[in-house]
Amino acid sequence: MTTFMDPTSERDPGSRQPLPRPTDLSGKTVGLLDISKPRGDVFIDRLEDLLVQKGLKTRRYKKPTFTRVAPTELKQQIADECDAVIESLAD
């Protein structure tokens, strides 16, 4: 079993099971979450170009600040609109 560490002070990170990863992204929508760190948008721009070249549909999202957990409404929107998500982290 894989143990995930959550930087949000979760007290028991091993008790949650991760959602299954899609085996194929064909026909899926990939969410691209910019966490608002400097130059994260540069990474997301390039990643989006590569995904679109492969024929994938993307949707972009941005956290209000990198210093806090994404708002629940944003996380719910991503979950409702996307089949997978990639979160950017840059500096």
Protein backbone atom coordinates (compact mmCIF):
# COMPACT_ATOMS: atom_id res chain seq x y z
CA MET A 1 0.00 0.00 0.00
CA THR A 2 1.26 3.46 -0.88
CA THR A 3 1.29 6.12 1.83
CA PHE A 4 0.59 9.68 0.72
CA MET A 5 1.71 12.65 2.76
CA ASP A 6 -0.60 15.66 2.68
CA PRO A 7 1.04 19.04 3.38
CA THR A 8 -2.24 20.39 4.76
CA SER A 9 -1.69 18.91 8.24
CA GLU A 10 -3.88 15.90 7.68
CA ARG A 11 -3.59 13.77 10.80
CA ASP A 12 -3.97 10.34 9.19
CA PRO A 13 -2.84 10.54 5.54
CA GLY A 14 -2.67 6.77 5.06
CA SER A 15 -6.38 6.21 5.69
CA ARG A 16 -7.56 7.67 2.36
CA GLN A 17 -7.40 5.55 -0.76
CA PRO A 18 -6.44 7.44 -3.94
CA LEU A 19 -8.94 7.42 -6.78
CA PRO A 20 -8.08 5.06 -9.62
CA ARG A 21 -6.06 6.66 -12.41
CA PRO A 22 -7.45 6.50 -15.92
CA THR A 23 -5.61 3.93 -18.04
CA ASP A 24 -6.12 6.00 -21.19
CA LEU A 25 -6.81 9.72 -21.61
CA SER A 26 -8.42 9.40 -25.05
CA GLY A 27 -11.71 11.27 -25.04
CA LYS A 28 -11.08 12.56 -21.53
CA THR A 29 -10.82 16.12 -20.24
CA VAL A 30 -7.61 16.99 -18.40
CA GLY A 31 -7.77 19.83 -15.88
CA LEU A 32 -4.66 21.98 -15.55
CA LEU A 33 -4.44 23.62 -12.14
CA ASP A 34 -2.09 26.57 -11.75
CA ILE A 35 -1.42 26.97 -8.02
CA SER A 36 -0.35 30.62 -8.54
CA LYS A 37 3.38 30.19 -7.96
CA PRO A 38 5.63 32.32 -10.16
CA ARG A 39 6.05 30.89 -13.68
CA GLY A 40 3.56 28.09 -13.07
CA ASP A 41 1.56 29.46 -15.99
CA VAL A 42 4.59 28.99 -18.26
CA PHE A 43 4.70 25.30 -17.37
CA ILE A 44 0.92 24.94 -17.81
CA ASP A 45 1.06 26.70 -21.21
CA ARG A 46 3.65 24.24 -22.50
CA LEU A 47 1.90 21.24 -21.01
CA GLU A 48 -1.39 22.32 -22.54
CA ASP A 49 0.27 22.64 -25.96
CA LEU A 50 1.57 19.07 -25.69
CA LEU A 51 -1.77 17.65 -24.56
CA VAL A 52 -3.72 19.45 -27.30
CA GLN A 53 -1.23 18.18 -29.91
CA LYS A 54 -2.15 14.67 -28.73
CA GLY A 55 -5.83 15.47 -29.29
CA LEU A 56 -6.80 15.84 -25.63
CA LYS A 57 -9.29 18.37 -24.31
CA THR A 58 -8.01 20.62 -21.51
CA ARG A 59 -9.56 23.02 -19.04
CA ARG A 60 -7.56 25.57 -17.05
CA TYR A 61 -7.99 26.57 -13.43
CA LYS A 62 -6.06 28.79 -11.04
CA LYS A 63 -5.92 28.89 -7.26
CA PRO A 64 -6.27 32.37 -5.73
CA THR A 65 -2.96 31.89 -3.87
CA PHE A 66 -0.36 29.16 -3.46
CA THR A 67 -0.27 29.73 0.30
CA ARG A 68 -3.63 28.08 0.94
CA VAL A 69 -5.45 24.91 -0.03
CA ALA A 70 -7.66 25.30 -3.11
CA PRO A 71 -11.15 26.48 -2.22
CA THR A 72 -13.72 23.70 -1.95
CA GLU A 73 -15.77 25.26 -4.76
CA LEU A 74 -12.76 25.14 -7.11
CA LYS A 75 -11.98 21.53 -6.21
CA GLN A 76 -15.61 20.58 -6.80
CA GLN A 77 -15.68 22.38 -10.15
CA ILE A 78 -12.56 20.53 -11.29
CA ALA A 79 -14.02 17.20 -10.13
CA ASP A 80 -17.27 17.90 -12.01
CA GLU A 81 -15.63 19.04 -15.25
CA CYS A 82 -12.51 16.86 -15.59
CA ASP A 83 -11.50 13.22 -15.73
CA ALA A 84 -7.92 13.89 -14.57
CA VAL A 85 -5.99 16.86 -13.25
CA ILE A 86 -2.39 18.01 -13.39
CA GLU A 87 -1.28 20.56 -10.81
CA SER A 88 1.56 22.93 -11.66
CA LEU A 89 4.33 23.87 -9.30
CA ALA A 90 7.09 26.22 -10.40
CA ASP A 91 9.43 28.95 -9.19
